[in-house]
Amino acid sequence: MLRNQHYSLKTGLIFDINHQQNTKRSDQIETINTIMQTTRHRITWKVYQWLRLPFLKKYSIKCVKI
């Protein structure tokens, strides 16, 4: 009986630790998501600018050649 109680106490502690770790992880994921949501526009705009730059140069060169 004592063994079972000790075991259940151990599993309870393990469960509690896992639960704390999971909540920490979910909090971290939430913060990462909020950071991505706030910076997504800026990041995509930068990428968009970097992607469009060579195309604009090629297009302008073609326009000049024509």
C-alpha atoms as a PDB file:
ATOM      1  CA  MET A   1       0.000   0.000   0.000  1.00  0.00           C
ATOM      2  CA  LEU A   2       2.768   2.424   0.886  1.00  0.00           C
ATOM      3  CA  ARG A   3       4.547   1.475  -2.295  1.00  0.00           C
ATOM      4  CA  ASN A   4       1.493   2.331  -4.381  1.00  0.00           C
ATOM      5  CA  GLN A   5       1.024   5.636  -2.588  1.00  0.00           C
ATOM      6  CA  HIS A   6       4.674   6.509  -3.126  1.00  0.00           C
ATOM      7  CA  TYR A   7       4.373   5.538  -6.775  1.00  0.00           C
ATOM      8  CA  SER A   8       1.248   7.639  -7.256  1.00  0.00           C
ATOM      9  CA  LEU A   9       2.977  10.550  -5.528  1.00  0.00           C
ATOM     10  CA  LYS A  10       5.942  10.134  -7.875  1.00  0.00           C
ATOM     11  CA  THR A  11       3.749  10.001 -10.970  1.00  0.00           C
ATOM     12  CA  GLY A  12       1.818  13.004  -9.654  1.00  0.00           C
ATOM     13  CA  LEU A  13       5.044  14.967  -9.303  1.00  0.00           C
ATOM     14  CA  ILE A  14       6.216  13.845 -12.731  1.00  0.00           C
ATOM     15  CA  PHE A  15       2.859  14.873 -14.193  1.00  0.00           C
ATOM     16  CA  ASP A  16       3.102  18.253 -12.467  1.00  0.00           C
ATOM     17  CA  ILE A  17       6.618  18.823 -13.787  1.00  0.00           C
ATOM     18  CA  ASN A  18       5.520  17.818 -17.292  1.00  0.00           C
ATOM     19  CA  HIS A  19       2.536  20.118 -17.031  1.00  0.00           C
ATOM     20  CA  GLN A  20       4.751  23.027 -15.990  1.00  0.00           C
ATOM     21  CA  GLN A  21       7.130  22.330 -18.860  1.00  0.00           C
ATOM     22  CA  ASN A  22       4.230  22.129 -21.303  1.00  0.00           C
ATOM     23  CA  THR A  23       2.788  25.423 -20.097  1.00  0.00           C
ATOM     24  CA  LYS A  24       6.210  27.041 -20.397  1.00  0.00           C
ATOM     25  CA  ARG A  25       6.532  25.654 -23.901  1.00  0.00           C
ATOM     26  CA  SER A  26       3.075  26.866 -24.904  1.00  0.00           C
ATOM     27  CA  ASP A  27       3.893  30.302 -23.459  1.00  0.00           C
ATOM     28  CA  GLN A  28       7.096  30.376 -25.491  1.00  0.00           C
ATOM     29  CA  ILE A  29       5.204  29.337 -28.618  1.00  0.00           C
ATOM     30  CA  GLU A  30       2.626  32.061 -27.954  1.00  0.00           C
ATOM     31  CA  THR A  31       5.310  34.713 -27.546  1.00  0.00           C
ATOM     32  CA  ILE A  32       7.035  33.518 -30.725  1.00  0.00           C
ATOM     33  CA  ASN A  33       3.704  33.682 -32.559  1.00  0.00           C
ATOM     34  CA  THR A  34       3.029  37.211 -31.325  1.00  0.00           C
ATOM     35  CA  ILE A  35       6.529  38.296 -32.322  1.00  0.00           C
ATOM     36  CA  MET A  36       6.031  36.763 -35.775  1.00  0.00           C
ATOM     37  CA  GLN A  37       2.638  38.440 -36.137  1.00  0.00           C
ATOM     38  CA  THR A  38       4.049  41.845 -35.261  1.00  0.00           C
ATOM     39  CA  THR A  39       7.162  41.504 -37.424  1.00  0.00           C
ATOM     40  CA  ARG A  40       5.663  39.481 -40.287  1.00  0.00           C
ATOM     41  CA  HIS A  41       4.725  42.543 -42.297  1.00  0.00           C
ATOM     42  CA  ARG A  42       8.173  44.048 -41.970  1.00  0.00           C
ATOM     43  CA  ILE A  43       9.900  40.758 -42.775  1.00  0.00           C
ATOM     44  CA  THR A  44       7.718  40.091 -45.826  1.00  0.00           C
ATOM     45  CA  TRP A  45       8.164  43.671 -46.984  1.00  0.00           C
ATOM     46  CA  LYS A  46      11.955  43.323 -46.775  1.00  0.00           C
ATOM     47  CA  VAL A  47      11.852  39.987 -48.591  1.00  0.00           C
ATOM     48  CA  TYR A  48       9.492  41.490 -51.156  1.00  0.00           C
ATOM     49  CA  GLN A  49      11.879  44.379 -51.714  1.00  0.00           C
ATOM     50  CA  TRP A  50      14.845  42.033 -52.031  1.00  0.00           C
ATOM     51  CA  LEU A  51      12.947  39.787 -54.426  1.00  0.00           C
ATOM     52  CA  ARG A  52      11.674  42.636 -56.570  1.00  0.00           C
ATOM     53  CA  LEU A  53      15.002  44.394 -56.848  1.00  0.00           C
ATOM     54  CA  PRO A  54      16.576  42.054 -59.443  1.00  0.00           C
ATOM     55  CA  PHE A  55      13.321  41.810 -61.396  1.00  0.00           C
ATOM     56  CA  LEU A  56      13.036  45.570 -61.539  1.00  0.00           C
ATOM     57  CA  LYS A  57      16.627  45.853 -62.703  1.00  0.00           C
ATOM     58  CA  LYS A  58      16.086  43.240 -65.432  1.00  0.00           C
ATOM     59  CA  TYR A  59      12.851  44.908 -66.466  1.00  0.00           C
ATOM     60  CA  SER A  60      14.444  48.350 -66.605  1.00  0.00           C
ATOM     61  CA  ILE A  61      17.352  46.977 -68.649  1.00  0.00           C
ATOM     62  CA  LYS A  62      14.881  45.365 -71.080  1.00  0.00           C
ATOM     63  CA  CYS A  63      12.973  48.616 -71.338  1.00  0.00           C
ATOM     64  CA  VAL A  64      16.184  50.473 -72.105  1.00  0.00           C
ATOM     65  CA  LYS A  65      17.177  47.902 -74.764  1.00  0.00           C
ATOM     66  CA  ILE A  66      13.787  48.123 -76.443  1.00  0.00           C
END
